[in-house]
Amino acid sequence: MKSLIAPLFIASLTAFPVQADDLDQAAKDVCGCLAQPYAELEKALQAVKTDKGNDLSSLMNSKDELTKMMEATQTCMEDLRKQYPEIEADKALQKQVMDKTRQYCPNPLETLDLKAPAG
C-alpha cells in the first residue's frame, strides 16, 4: 500500500498547479483529495502494529477497492490541476503548497511509528 500512496502523493504535489493568491485553499483542496487514501493508510499502519498485520489476505481482498480509491484520488488531483493552472511552472509556489499541505494533513508515512502498543 505504501508503494501506491507515496508516489501519488509526491507526484500530485510536485505537478499540482494552484493560484498564487490562494495557497491555503489549494493545500486544503489537496488534503480533500488525500483524505480517503490517508485514512486507509492509517488503518493499514495500525493493522501492521497488531496481529491483524500478519493477515495479508485481508489486504489482498481489498485490492479492487484500493484501486478504485486511487483512481478517484488521481481524478480529484487532475481536477485540481485544472482549477489552479497558474502554478504549473512556478516551483516556489509548488513548494509552498506542499509545505502547507503537510501542515494541514501530514502524510501518515512521514510520521510512521511501527512500535507495537504497550499492553
PDB file of N, CA and C in Angstrom:
ATOM      1  N   MET A   1       0.829  -1.181   0.000  1.00  0.00           N
ATOM      2  CA  MET A   1       0.000   0.000   0.000  1.00  0.00           C
ATOM      3  C   MET A   1       0.875   1.247   0.000  1.00  0.00           C
ATOM      4  N   LYS A   2       1.969   1.215   0.736  1.00  0.00           N
ATOM      5  CA  LYS A   2       2.890   2.347   0.758  1.00  0.00           C
ATOM      6  C   LYS A   2       3.354   2.672  -0.651  1.00  0.00           C
ATOM      7  N   SER A   3       3.574   1.631  -1.434  1.00  0.00           N
ATOM      8  CA  SER A   3       4.077   1.848  -2.787  1.00  0.00           C
ATOM      9  C   SER A   3       3.047   2.528  -3.685  1.00  0.00           C
ATOM     10  N   LEU A   4       1.778   2.485  -3.327  1.00  0.00           N
ATOM     11  CA  LEU A   4       0.756   3.135  -4.139  1.00  0.00           C
ATOM     12  C   LEU A   4       0.516   4.578  -3.723  1.00  0.00           C
ATOM     13  N   ILE A   5       0.476   4.842  -2.440  1.00  0.00           N
ATOM     14  CA  ILE A   5       0.085   6.162  -1.956  1.00  0.00           C
ATOM     15  C   ILE A   5       1.227   7.158  -1.994  1.00  0.00           C
ATOM     16  N   ALA A   6       2.401   6.775  -1.569  1.00  0.00           N
ATOM     17  CA  ALA A   6       3.514   7.728  -1.517  1.00  0.00           C
ATOM     18  C   ALA A   6       3.828   8.334  -2.887  1.00  0.00           C
ATOM     19  N   PRO A   7       3.961   7.540  -3.953  1.00  0.00           N
ATOM     20  CA  PRO A   7       4.244   8.162  -5.259  1.00  0.00           C
ATOM     21  C   PRO A   7       3.108   9.059  -5.735  1.00  0.00           C
ATOM     22  N   LEU A   8       1.871   8.667  -5.483  1.00  0.00           N
ATOM     23  CA  LEU A   8       0.741   9.500  -5.888  1.00  0.00           C
ATOM     24  C   LEU A   8       0.785  10.830  -5.159  1.00  0.00           C
ATOM     25  N   PHE A   9       1.053  10.775  -3.872  1.00  0.00           N
ATOM     26  CA  PHE A   9       1.134  12.000  -3.067  1.00  0.00           C
ATOM     27  C   PHE A   9       2.225  12.922  -3.591  1.00  0.00           C
ATOM     28  N   ILE A  10       3.400  12.405  -3.789  1.00  0.00           N
ATOM     29  CA  ILE A  10       4.532  13.221  -4.240  1.00  0.00           C
ATOM     30  C   ILE A  10       4.285  13.748  -5.646  1.00  0.00           C
ATOM     31  N   ALA A  11       3.834  12.890  -6.537  1.00  0.00           N
ATOM     32  CA  ALA A  11       3.584  13.328  -7.916  1.00  0.00           C
ATOM     33  C   ALA A  11       2.479  14.374  -7.964  1.00  0.00           C
ATOM     34  N   SER A  12       1.470  14.196  -7.161  1.00  0.00           N
ATOM     35  CA  SER A  12       0.366  15.147  -7.164  1.00  0.00           C
ATOM     36  C   SER A  12       0.804  16.511  -6.685  1.00  0.00           C
ATOM     37  N   LEU A  13       1.650  16.534  -5.681  1.00  0.00           N
ATOM     38  CA  LEU A  13       2.077  17.817  -5.138  1.00  0.00           C
ATOM     39  C   LEU A  13       3.120  18.499  -6.004  1.00  0.00           C
ATOM     40  N   THR A  14       4.008  17.747  -6.591  1.00  0.00           N
ATOM     41  CA  THR A  14       5.059  18.383  -7.378  1.00  0.00           C
ATOM     42  C   THR A  14       4.546  18.900  -8.709  1.00  0.00           C
ATOM     43  N   ALA A  15       3.477  18.332  -9.216  1.00  0.00           N
ATOM     44  CA  ALA A  15       2.947  18.779 -10.503  1.00  0.00           C
ATOM     45  C   ALA A  15       1.617  19.508 -10.335  1.00  0.00           C
ATOM     46  N   PHE A  16       1.305  19.883  -9.126  1.00  0.00           N
ATOM     47  CA  PHE A  16      -0.007  20.414  -8.804  1.00  0.00           C
ATOM     48  C   PHE A  16      -0.072  21.926  -8.967  1.00  0.00           C
ATOM     49  N   PRO A  17      -0.852  22.431  -9.932  1.00  0.00           N
ATOM     50  CA  PRO A  17      -0.966  23.874 -10.122  1.00  0.00           C
ATOM     51  C   PRO A  17      -1.999  24.517  -9.200  1.00  0.00           C
ATOM     52  N   VAL A  18      -1.685  25.691  -8.642  1.00  0.00           N
ATOM     53  CA  VAL A  18      -2.600  26.434  -7.775  1.00  0.00           C
ATOM     54  C   VAL A  18      -2.521  27.910  -8.091  1.00  0.00           C
ATOM     55  N   GLN A  19      -3.519  28.647  -7.647  1.00  0.00           N
ATOM     56  CA  GLN A  19      -3.481  30.093  -7.782  1.00  0.00           C
ATOM     57  C   GLN A  19      -2.566  30.650  -6.700  1.00  0.00           C
ATOM     58  N   ALA A  20      -1.729  31.607  -7.072  1.00  0.00           N
ATOM     59  CA  ALA A  20      -0.780  32.181  -6.129  1.00  0.00           C
ATOM     60  C   ALA A  20      -1.483  32.874  -4.978  1.00  0.00           C
ATOM     61  N   ASP A  21      -2.654  33.425  -5.210  1.00  0.00           N
ATOM     62  CA  ASP A  21      -3.345  34.176  -4.164  1.00  0.00           C
ATOM     63  C   ASP A  21      -4.141  33.298  -3.213  1.00  0.00           C
ATOM     64  N   ASP A  22      -4.122  32.006  -3.407  1.00  0.00           N
ATOM     65  CA  ASP A  22      -4.922  31.149  -2.540  1.00  0.00           C
ATOM     66  C   ASP A  22      -4.223  29.830  -2.242  1.00  0.00           C
ATOM     67  N   LEU A  23      -3.007  29.911  -1.762  1.00  0.00           N
ATOM     68  CA  LEU A  23      -2.232  28.705  -1.468  1.00  0.00           C
ATOM     69  C   LEU A  23      -2.874  27.878  -0.361  1.00  0.00           C
ATOM     70  N   ASP A  24      -3.440  28.556   0.647  1.00  0.00           N
ATOM     71  CA  ASP A  24      -4.087  27.820   1.735  1.00  0.00           C
ATOM     72  C   ASP A  24      -5.236  26.964   1.212  1.00  0.00           C
ATOM     73  N   GLN A  25      -6.085  27.554   0.389  1.00  0.00           N
ATOM     74  CA  GLN A  25      -7.219  26.803  -0.143  1.00  0.00           C
ATOM     75  C   GLN A  25      -6.744  25.667  -1.040  1.00  0.00           C
ATOM     76  N   ALA A  26      -5.722  25.914  -1.819  1.00  0.00           N
ATOM     77  CA  ALA A  26      -5.179  24.860  -2.681  1.00  0.00           C
ATOM     78  C   ALA A  26      -4.679  23.694  -1.838  1.00  0.00           C
ATOM     79  N   ALA A  27      -3.966  23.999  -0.755  1.00  0.00           N
ATOM     80  CA  ALA A  27      -3.461  22.941   0.120  1.00  0.00           C
ATOM     81  C   ALA A  27      -4.618  22.176   0.762  1.00  0.00           C
ATOM     82  N   LYS A  28      -5.650  22.896   1.173  1.00  0.00           N
ATOM     83  CA  LYS A  28      -6.822  22.230   1.756  1.00  0.00           C
ATOM     84  C   LYS A  28      -7.522  21.359   0.717  1.00  0.00           C
ATOM     85  N   ASP A  29      -7.550  21.816  -0.521  1.00  0.00           N
ATOM     86  CA  ASP A  29      -8.137  21.011  -1.590  1.00  0.00           C
ATOM     87  C   ASP A  29      -7.334  19.731  -1.821  1.00  0.00           C
ATOM     88  N   VAL A  30      -6.018  19.842  -1.764  1.00  0.00           N
ATOM     89  CA  VAL A  30      -5.170  18.646  -1.888  1.00  0.00           C
ATOM     90  C   VAL A  30      -5.490  17.687  -0.747  1.00  0.00           C
ATOM     91  N   CYS A  31      -5.609  18.227   0.463  1.00  0.00           N
ATOM     92  CA  CYS A  31      -5.944  17.377   1.608  1.00  0.00           C
ATOM     93  C   CYS A  31      -7.284  16.675   1.399  1.00  0.00           C
ATOM     94  N   GLY A  32      -8.228  17.373   0.781  1.00  0.00           N
ATOM     95  CA  GLY A  32      -9.509  16.740   0.483  1.00  0.00           C
ATOM     96  C   GLY A  32      -9.348  15.543  -0.434  1.00  0.00           C
ATOM     97  N   CYS A  33      -8.478  15.672  -1.406  1.00  0.00           N
ATOM     98  CA  CYS A  33      -8.211  14.549  -2.317  1.00  0.00           C
ATOM     99  C   CYS A  33      -7.517  13.395  -1.595  1.00  0.00           C
ATOM    100  N   LEU A  34      -6.688  13.729  -0.617  1.00  0.00           N
ATOM    101  CA  LEU A  34      -5.890  12.717   0.068  1.00  0.00           C
ATOM    102  C   LEU A  34      -6.568  12.138   1.305  1.00  0.00           C
ATOM    103  N   ALA A  35      -7.717  12.660   1.699  1.00  0.00           N
ATOM    104  CA  ALA A  35      -8.359  12.232   2.943  1.00  0.00           C
ATOM    105  C   ALA A  35      -8.630  10.729   2.977  1.00  0.00           C
ATOM    106  N   GLN A  36      -9.251  10.201   1.949  1.00  0.00           N
ATOM    107  CA  GLN A  36      -9.578   8.772   1.951  1.00  0.00           C
ATOM    108  C   GLN A  36      -8.332   7.894   1.878  1.00  0.00           C
ATOM    109  N   PRO A  37      -7.383   8.170   0.969  1.00  0.00           N
ATOM    110  CA  PRO A  37      -6.184   7.322   0.964  1.00  0.00           C
ATOM    111  C   PRO A  37      -5.409   7.388   2.278  1.00  0.00           C
ATOM    112  N   TYR A  38      -5.336   8.564   2.874  1.00  0.00           N
ATOM    113  CA  TYR A  38      -4.622   8.691   4.146  1.00  0.00           C
ATOM    114  C   TYR A  38      -5.337   7.920   5.254  1.00  0.00           C
ATOM    115  N   ALA A  39      -6.673   7.950   5.267  1.00  0.00           N
ATOM    116  CA  ALA A  39      -7.424   7.201   6.272  1.00  0.00           C
ATOM    117  C   ALA A  39      -7.186   5.703   6.106  1.00  0.00           C
ATOM    118  N   GLU A  40      -7.203   5.234   4.875  1.00  0.00           N
ATOM    119  CA  GLU A  40      -6.945   3.812   4.620  1.00  0.00           C
ATOM    120  C   GLU A  40      -5.512   3.441   4.991  1.00  0.00           C
ATOM    121  N   LEU A  41      -4.584   4.323   4.711  1.00  0.00           N
ATOM    122  CA  LEU A  41      -3.194   4.074   5.066  1.00  0.00           C
ATOM    123  C   LEU A  41      -3.031   4.003   6.579  1.00  0.00           C
ATOM    124  N   GLU A  42      -3.705   4.887   7.298  1.00  0.00           N
ATOM    125  CA  GLU A  42      -3.661   4.853   8.763  1.00  0.00           C
ATOM    126  C   GLU A  42      -4.171   3.511   9.279  1.00  0.00           C
ATOM    127  N   LYS A  43      -5.291   3.030   8.705  1.00  0.00           N
ATOM    128  CA  LYS A  43      -5.837   1.729   9.113  1.00  0.00           C
ATOM    129  C   LYS A  43      -4.827   0.616   8.864  1.00  0.00           C
ATOM    130  N   ALA A  44      -4.201   0.646   7.701  1.00  0.00           N
ATOM    131  CA  ALA A  44      -3.222  -0.388   7.362  1.00  0.00           C
ATOM    132  C   ALA A  44      -2.022  -0.329   8.299  1.00  0.00           C
ATOM    133  N   LEU A  45      -1.569   0.867   8.619  1.00  0.00           N
ATOM    134  CA  LEU A  45      -0.428   1.005   9.522  1.00  0.00           C
ATOM    135  C   LEU A  45      -0.775   0.512  10.920  1.00  0.00           C
ATOM    136  N   GLN A  46      -1.996   0.772  11.372  1.00  0.00           N
ATOM    137  CA  GLN A  46      -2.424   0.268  12.675  1.00  0.00           C
ATOM    138  C   GLN A  46      -2.509  -1.257  12.653  1.00  0.00           C
ATOM    139  N   ALA A  47      -2.967  -1.820  11.547  1.00  0.00           N
ATOM    140  CA  ALA A  47      -3.058  -3.275  11.434  1.00  0.00           C
ATOM    141  C   ALA A  47      -1.680  -3.911  11.495  1.00  0.00           C
ATOM    142  N   VAL A  48      -0.694  -3.244  10.916  1.00  0.00           N
ATOM    143  CA  VAL A  48       0.671  -3.766  10.940  1.00  0.00           C
ATOM    144  C   VAL A  48       1.181  -3.830  12.379  1.00  0.00           C
ATOM    145  N   LYS A  49       0.730  -2.910  13.210  1.00  0.00           N
ATOM    146  CA  LYS A  49       1.176  -2.866  14.606  1.00  0.00           C
ATOM    147  C   LYS A  49       0.528  -3.957  15.450  1.00  0.00           C
ATOM    148  N   THR A  50      -0.524  -4.578  14.949  1.00  0.00           N
ATOM    149  CA  THR A  50      -1.243  -5.598  15.704  1.00  0.00           C
ATOM    150  C   THR A  50      -1.098  -6.941  15.006  1.00  0.00           C
ATOM    151  N   ASP A  51      -1.726  -7.937  15.568  1.00  0.00           N
ATOM    152  CA  ASP A  51      -1.709  -9.264  14.947  1.00  0.00           C
ATOM    153  C   ASP A  51      -2.408  -9.258  13.596  1.00  0.00           C
ATOM    154  N   LYS A  52      -3.320  -8.304  13.388  1.00  0.00           N
ATOM    155  CA  LYS A  52      -4.026  -8.231  12.109  1.00  0.00           C
ATOM    156  C   LYS A  52      -3.058  -7.959  10.963  1.00  0.00           C
ATOM    157  N   GLY A  53      -1.932  -7.357  11.275  1.00  0.00           N
ATOM    158  CA  GLY A  53      -0.948  -7.055  10.247  1.00  0.00           C
ATOM    159  C   GLY A  53      -0.327  -8.297   9.648  1.00  0.00           C
ATOM    160  N   ASN A  54      -0.457  -9.423  10.352  1.00  0.00           N
ATOM    161  CA  ASN A  54       0.090 -10.677   9.845  1.00  0.00           C
ATOM    162  C   ASN A  54      -0.825 -11.329   8.814  1.00  0.00           C
ATOM    163  N   ASP A  55      -2.046 -10.838   8.696  1.00  0.00           N
ATOM    164  CA  ASP A  55      -3.018 -11.404   7.763  1.00  0.00           C
ATOM    165  C   ASP A  55      -3.042 -10.579   6.481  1.00  0.00           C
ATOM    166  N   LEU A  56      -2.169 -10.922   5.561  1.00  0.00           N
ATOM    167  CA  LEU A  56      -2.090 -10.184   4.306  1.00  0.00           C
ATOM    168  C   LEU A  56      -3.268 -10.471   3.387  1.00  0.00           C
ATOM    169  N   SER A  57      -4.000 -11.527   3.661  1.00  0.00           N
ATOM    170  CA  SER A  57      -5.139 -11.854   2.798  1.00  0.00           C
ATOM    171  C   SER A  57      -6.187 -10.751   2.831  1.00  0.00           C
ATOM    172  N   SER A  58      -6.376 -10.108   3.977  1.00  0.00           N
ATOM    173  CA  SER A  58      -7.370  -9.032   4.043  1.00  0.00           C
ATOM    174  C   SER A  58      -6.945  -7.851   3.183  1.00  0.00           C
ATOM    175  N   LEU A  59      -5.642  -7.583   3.136  1.00  0.00           N
ATOM    176  CA  LEU A  59      -5.161  -6.508   2.270  1.00  0.00           C
ATOM    177  C   LEU A  59      -5.334  -6.875   0.803  1.00  0.00           C
ATOM    178  N   MET A  60      -5.071  -8.111   0.463  1.00  0.00           N
ATOM    179  CA  MET A  60      -5.211  -8.546  -0.921  1.00  0.00           C
ATOM    180  C   MET A  60      -6.679  -8.548  -1.345  1.00  0.00           C
ATOM    181  N   ASN A  61      -7.578  -8.888  -0.420  1.00  0.00           N
ATOM    182  CA  ASN A  61      -9.003  -8.902  -0.740  1.00  0.00           C
ATOM    183  C   ASN A  61      -9.521  -7.504  -1.049  1.00  0.00           C
ATOM    184  N   SER A  62      -8.883  -6.497  -0.505  1.00  0.00           N
ATOM    185  CA  SER A  62      -9.350  -5.131  -0.725  1.00  0.00           C
ATOM    186  C   SER A  62      -8.620  -4.459  -1.890  1.00  0.00           C
ATOM    187  N   LYS A  63      -7.916  -5.239  -2.687  1.00  0.00           N
ATOM    188  CA  LYS A  63      -7.137  -4.681  -3.798  1.00  0.00           C
ATOM    189  C   LYS A  63      -8.015  -3.904  -4.781  1.00  0.00           C
ATOM    190  N   ASP A  64      -9.177  -4.454  -5.137  1.00  0.00           N
ATOM    191  CA  ASP A  64     -10.067  -3.759  -6.073  1.00  0.00           C
ATOM    192  C   ASP A  64     -10.558  -2.442  -5.490  1.00  0.00           C
ATOM    193  N   GLU A  65     -10.919  -2.460  -4.208  1.00  0.00           N
ATOM    194  CA  GLU A  65     -11.360  -1.230  -3.551  1.00  0.00           C
ATOM    195  C   GLU A  65     -10.231  -0.209  -3.521  1.00  0.00           C
ATOM    196  N   LEU A  66      -9.040  -0.663  -3.249  1.00  0.00           N
ATOM    197  CA  LEU A  66      -7.880   0.224  -3.205  1.00  0.00           C
ATOM    198  C   LEU A  66      -7.622   0.835  -4.581  1.00  0.00           C
ATOM    199  N   THR A  67      -7.745   0.031  -5.614  1.00  0.00           N
ATOM    200  CA  THR A  67      -7.546   0.532  -6.977  1.00  0.00           C
ATOM    201  C   THR A  67      -8.574   1.607  -7.308  1.00  0.00           C
ATOM    202  N   LYS A  68      -9.833   1.374  -6.960  1.00  0.00           N
ATOM    203  CA  LYS A  68     -10.884   2.364  -7.212  1.00  0.00           C
ATOM    204  C   LYS A  68     -10.615   3.651  -6.437  1.00  0.00           C
ATOM    205  N   MET A  69     -10.186   3.520  -5.192  1.00  0.00           N
ATOM    206  CA  MET A  69      -9.897   4.687  -4.371  1.00  0.00           C
ATOM    207  C   MET A  69      -8.748   5.492  -4.967  1.00  0.00           C
ATOM    208  N   MET A  70      -7.710   4.815  -5.428  1.00  0.00           N
ATOM    209  CA  MET A  70      -6.560   5.512  -6.001  1.00  0.00           C
ATOM    210  C   MET A  70      -6.942   6.200  -7.311  1.00  0.00           C
ATOM    211  N   GLU A  71      -7.799   5.572  -8.100  1.00  0.00           N
ATOM    212  CA  GLU A  71      -8.273   6.201  -9.337  1.00  0.00           C
ATOM    213  C   GLU A  71      -9.089   7.455  -9.021  1.00  0.00           C
ATOM    214  N   ALA A  72      -9.934   7.381  -7.989  1.00  0.00           N
ATOM    215  CA  ALA A  72     -10.725   8.549  -7.588  1.00  0.00           C
ATOM    216  C   ALA A  72      -9.819   9.670  -7.089  1.00  0.00           C
ATOM    217  N   THR A  73      -8.771   9.311  -6.358  1.00  0.00           N
ATOM    218  CA  THR A  73      -7.823  10.309  -5.866  1.00  0.00           C
ATOM    219  C   THR A  73      -7.094  10.960  -7.029  1.00  0.00           C
ATOM    220  N   GLN A  74      -6.687  10.163  -7.993  1.00  0.00           N
ATOM    221  CA  GLN A  74      -5.998  10.698  -9.165  1.00  0.00           C
ATOM    222  C   GLN A  74      -6.909  11.649  -9.941  1.00  0.00           C
ATOM    223  N   THR A  75      -8.172  11.283 -10.102  1.00  0.00           N
ATOM    224  CA  THR A  75      -9.138  12.149 -10.782  1.00  0.00           C
ATOM    225  C   THR A  75      -9.318  13.455 -10.017  1.00  0.00           C
ATOM    226  N   CYS A  76      -9.388  13.366  -8.706  1.00  0.00           N
ATOM    227  CA  CYS A  76      -9.516  14.555  -7.864  1.00  0.00           C
ATOM    228  C   CYS A  76      -8.328  15.491  -8.081  1.00  0.00           C
ATOM    229  N   MET A  77      -7.126  14.938  -8.097  1.00  0.00           N
ATOM    230  CA  MET A  77      -5.927  15.750  -8.301  1.00  0.00           C
ATOM    231  C   MET A  77      -5.918  16.375  -9.698  1.00  0.00           C
ATOM    232  N   GLU A  78      -6.358  15.620 -10.694  1.00  0.00           N
ATOM    233  CA  GLU A  78      -6.424  16.168 -12.056  1.00  0.00           C
ATOM    234  C   GLU A  78      -7.405  17.340 -12.115  1.00  0.00           C
ATOM    235  N   ASP A  79      -8.521  17.211 -11.409  1.00  0.00           N
ATOM    236  CA  ASP A  79      -9.490  18.306 -11.358  1.00  0.00           C
ATOM    237  C   ASP A  79      -8.882  19.543 -10.702  1.00  0.00           C
ATOM    238  N   LEU A  80      -8.073  19.339  -9.671  1.00  0.00           N
ATOM    239  CA  LEU A  80      -7.427  20.477  -9.010  1.00  0.00           C
ATOM    240  C   LEU A  80      -6.403  21.140  -9.924  1.00  0.00           C
ATOM    241  N   ARG A  81      -5.721  20.348 -10.725  1.00  0.00           N
ATOM    242  CA  ARG A  81      -4.772  20.936 -11.682  1.00  0.00           C
ATOM    243  C   ARG A  81      -5.493  21.882 -12.643  1.00  0.00           C
ATOM    244  N   LYS A  82      -6.692  21.488 -13.049  1.00  0.00           N
ATOM    245  CA  LYS A  82      -7.490  22.341 -13.938  1.00  0.00           C
ATOM    246  C   LYS A  82      -7.993  23.582 -13.195  1.00  0.00           C
ATOM    247  N   GLN A  83      -8.316  23.405 -11.934  1.00  0.00           N
ATOM    248  CA  GLN A  83      -8.847  24.506 -11.136  1.00  0.00           C
ATOM    249  C   GLN A  83      -7.784  25.564 -10.836  1.00  0.00           C
ATOM    250  N   TYR A  84      -6.515  25.132 -10.680  1.00  0.00           N
ATOM    251  CA  TYR A  84      -5.417  26.026 -10.311  1.00  0.00           C
ATOM    252  C   TYR A  84      -4.287  25.939 -11.341  1.00  0.00           C
ATOM    253  N   PRO A  85      -4.460  26.452 -12.548  1.00  0.00           N
ATOM    254  CA  PRO A  85      -3.454  26.263 -13.594  1.00  0.00           C
ATOM    255  C   PRO A  85      -2.215  27.153 -13.484  1.00  0.00           C
ATOM    256  N   GLU A  86      -2.255  28.220 -12.702  1.00  0.00           N
ATOM    257  CA  GLU A  86      -1.184  29.220 -12.737  1.00  0.00           C
ATOM    258  C   GLU A  86       0.154  28.766 -12.161  1.00  0.00           C
ATOM    259  N   ILE A  87       0.168  27.778 -11.323  1.00  0.00           N
ATOM    260  CA  ILE A  87       1.407  27.413 -10.626  1.00  0.00           C
ATOM    261  C   ILE A  87       2.254  26.391 -11.357  1.00  0.00           C
ATOM    262  N   GLU A  88       1.756  25.837 -12.401  1.00  0.00           N
ATOM    263  CA  GLU A  88       2.424  24.711 -13.064  1.00  0.00           C
ATOM    264  C   GLU A  88       3.912  24.955 -13.294  1.00  0.00           C
ATOM    265  N   ALA A  89       4.291  26.168 -13.659  1.00  0.00           N
ATOM    266  CA  ALA A  89       5.703  26.455 -13.955  1.00  0.00           C
ATOM    267  C   ALA A  89       6.421  27.129 -12.791  1.00  0.00           C
ATOM    268  N   ASP A  90       5.755  27.274 -11.647  1.00  0.00           N
ATOM    269  CA  ASP A  90       6.339  28.017 -10.528  1.00  0.00           C
ATOM    270  C   ASP A  90       6.693  27.075  -9.381  1.00  0.00           C
ATOM    271  N   LYS A  91       7.937  26.646  -9.344  1.00  0.00           N
ATOM    272  CA  LYS A  91       8.399  25.694  -8.332  1.00  0.00           C
ATOM    273  C   LYS A  91       8.279  26.253  -6.919  1.00  0.00           C
ATOM    274  N   ALA A  92       8.479  27.557  -6.750  1.00  0.00           N
ATOM    275  CA  ALA A  92       8.394  28.165  -5.418  1.00  0.00           C
ATOM    276  C   ALA A  92       6.971  28.055  -4.866  1.00  0.00           C
ATOM    277  N   LEU A  93       5.985  28.304  -5.704  1.00  0.00           N
ATOM    278  CA  LEU A  93       4.599  28.174  -5.256  1.00  0.00           C
ATOM    279  C   LEU A  93       4.234  26.714  -5.007  1.00  0.00           C
ATOM    280  N   GLN A  94       4.756  25.818  -5.813  1.00  0.00           N
ATOM    281  CA  GLN A  94       4.518  24.390  -5.583  1.00  0.00           C
ATOM    282  C   GLN A  94       5.052  23.984  -4.215  1.00  0.00           C
ATOM    283  N   LYS A  95       6.239  24.470  -3.884  1.00  0.00           N
ATOM    284  CA  LYS A  95       6.827  24.147  -2.585  1.00  0.00           C
ATOM    285  C   LYS A  95       5.974  24.699  -1.454  1.00  0.00           C
ATOM    286  N   GLN A  96       5.468  25.913  -1.617  1.00  0.00           N
ATOM    287  CA  GLN A  96       4.618  26.499  -0.580  1.00  0.00           C
ATOM    288  C   GLN A  96       3.347  25.672  -0.378  1.00  0.00           C
ATOM    289  N   VAL A  97       2.757  25.224  -1.470  1.00  0.00           N
ATOM    290  CA  VAL A  97       1.559  24.391  -1.363  1.00  0.00           C
ATOM    291  C   VAL A  97       1.902  23.063  -0.691  1.00  0.00           C
ATOM    292  N   MET A  98       3.020  22.468  -1.054  1.00  0.00           N
ATOM    293  CA  MET A  98       3.438  21.205  -0.432  1.00  0.00           C
ATOM    294  C   MET A  98       3.627  21.390   1.067  1.00  0.00           C
ATOM    295  N   ASP A  99       4.295  22.476   1.459  1.00  0.00           N
ATOM    296  CA  ASP A  99       4.529  22.732   2.880  1.00  0.00           C
ATOM    297  C   ASP A  99       3.211  22.915   3.629  1.00  0.00           C
ATOM    298  N   LYS A 100       2.303  23.674   3.055  1.00  0.00           N
ATOM    299  CA  LYS A 100       1.005  23.897   3.695  1.00  0.00           C
ATOM    300  C   LYS A 100       0.197  22.602   3.753  1.00  0.00           C
ATOM    301  N   THR A 101       0.272  21.809   2.706  1.00  0.00           N
ATOM    302  CA  THR A 101      -0.445  20.535   2.698  1.00  0.00           C
ATOM    303  C   THR A 101       0.067  19.635   3.814  1.00  0.00           C
ATOM    304  N   ARG A 102       1.363  19.586   4.005  1.00  0.00           N
ATOM    305  CA  ARG A 102       1.932  18.770   5.085  1.00  0.00           C
ATOM    306  C   ARG A 102       1.476  19.267   6.455  1.00  0.00           C
ATOM    307  N   GLN A 103       1.265  20.566   6.590  1.00  0.00           N
ATOM    308  CA  GLN A 103       0.765  21.107   7.858  1.00  0.00           C
ATOM    309  C   GLN A 103      -0.688  20.699   8.085  1.00  0.00           C
ATOM    310  N   TYR A 104      -1.511  20.817   7.056  1.00  0.00           N
ATOM    311  CA  TYR A 104      -2.940  20.538   7.184  1.00  0.00           C
ATOM    312  C   TYR A 104      -3.247  19.045   7.267  1.00  0.00           C
ATOM    313  N   CYS A 105      -2.516  18.244   6.523  1.00  0.00           N
ATOM    314  CA  CYS A 105      -2.789  16.801   6.506  1.00  0.00           C
ATOM    315  C   CYS A 105      -1.474  16.047   6.313  1.00  0.00           C
ATOM    316  N   PRO A 106      -0.748  15.829   7.401  1.00  0.00           N
ATOM    317  CA  PRO A 106       0.542  15.137   7.288  1.00  0.00           C
ATOM    318  C   PRO A 106       0.389  13.736   6.697  1.00  0.00           C
ATOM    319  N   ASN A 107       1.341  13.372   5.882  1.00  0.00           N
ATOM    320  CA  ASN A 107       1.378  12.038   5.291  1.00  0.00           C
ATOM    321  C   ASN A 107       1.641  11.032   6.409  1.00  0.00           C
ATOM    322  N   PRO A 108       0.764  10.040   6.594  1.00  0.00           N
ATOM    323  CA  PRO A 108       0.981   9.048   7.647  1.00  0.00           C
ATOM    324  C   PRO A 108       2.327   8.339   7.535  1.00  0.00           C
ATOM    325  N   LEU A 109       2.855   8.209   6.340  1.00  0.00           N
ATOM    326  CA  LEU A 109       4.151   7.548   6.179  1.00  0.00           C
ATOM    327  C   LEU A 109       5.291   8.402   6.726  1.00  0.00           C
ATOM    328  N   GLU A 110       5.092   9.718   6.785  1.00  0.00           N
ATOM    329  CA  GLU A 110       6.131  10.598   7.309  1.00  0.00           C
ATOM    330  C   GLU A 110       6.192  10.566   8.827  1.00  0.00           C
ATOM    331  N   THR A 111       5.121  10.099   9.468  1.00  0.00           N
ATOM    332  CA  THR A 111       5.088  10.012  10.924  1.00  0.00           C
ATOM    333  C   THR A 111       5.012   8.557  11.367  1.00  0.00           C
ATOM    334  N   LEU A 112       5.458   7.667  10.527  1.00  0.00           N
ATOM    335  CA  LEU A 112       5.364   6.229  10.756  1.00  0.00           C
ATOM    336  C   LEU A 112       6.108   5.808  12.010  1.00  0.00           C
ATOM    337  N   ASP A 113       5.394   5.080  12.873  1.00  0.00           N
ATOM    338  CA  ASP A 113       5.972   4.505  14.081  1.00  0.00           C
ATOM    339  C   ASP A 113       5.413   3.094  14.196  1.00  0.00           C
ATOM    340  N   LEU A 114       6.223   2.111  13.863  1.00  0.00           N
ATOM    341  CA  LEU A 114       5.745   0.727  13.844  1.00  0.00           C
ATOM    342  C   LEU A 114       5.901   0.009  15.178  1.00  0.00           C
ATOM    343  N   LYS A 115       6.224   0.728  16.225  1.00  0.00           N
ATOM    344  CA  LYS A 115       6.328   0.095  17.537  1.00  0.00           C
ATOM    345  C   LYS A 115       4.955  -0.402  17.959  1.00  0.00           C
ATOM    346  N   ALA A 116       4.929  -1.606  18.482  1.00  0.00           N
ATOM    347  CA  ALA A 116       3.669  -2.166  18.954  1.00  0.00           C
ATOM    348  C   ALA A 116       3.226  -1.417  20.202  1.00  0.00           C
ATOM    349  N   PRO A 117       1.916  -1.201  20.347  1.00  0.00           N
ATOM    350  CA  PRO A 117       1.436  -0.526  21.547  1.00  0.00           C
ATOM    351  C   PRO A 117       1.706  -1.368  22.786  1.00  0.00           C
ATOM    352  N   ALA A 118       1.985  -0.703  23.887  1.00  0.00           N
ATOM    353  CA  ALA A 118       2.250  -1.410  25.145  1.00  0.00           C
ATOM    354  C   ALA A 118       0.975  -2.097  25.592  1.00  0.00           C
ATOM    355  N   GLY A 119       1.115  -3.280  26.091  1.00  0.00           N
ATOM    356  CA  GLY A 119      -0.104  -3.934  26.546  1.00  0.00           C
ATOM    357  C   GLY A 119       0.113  -5.296  26.872  1.00  0.00           C
TER     358      GLY A 119
END
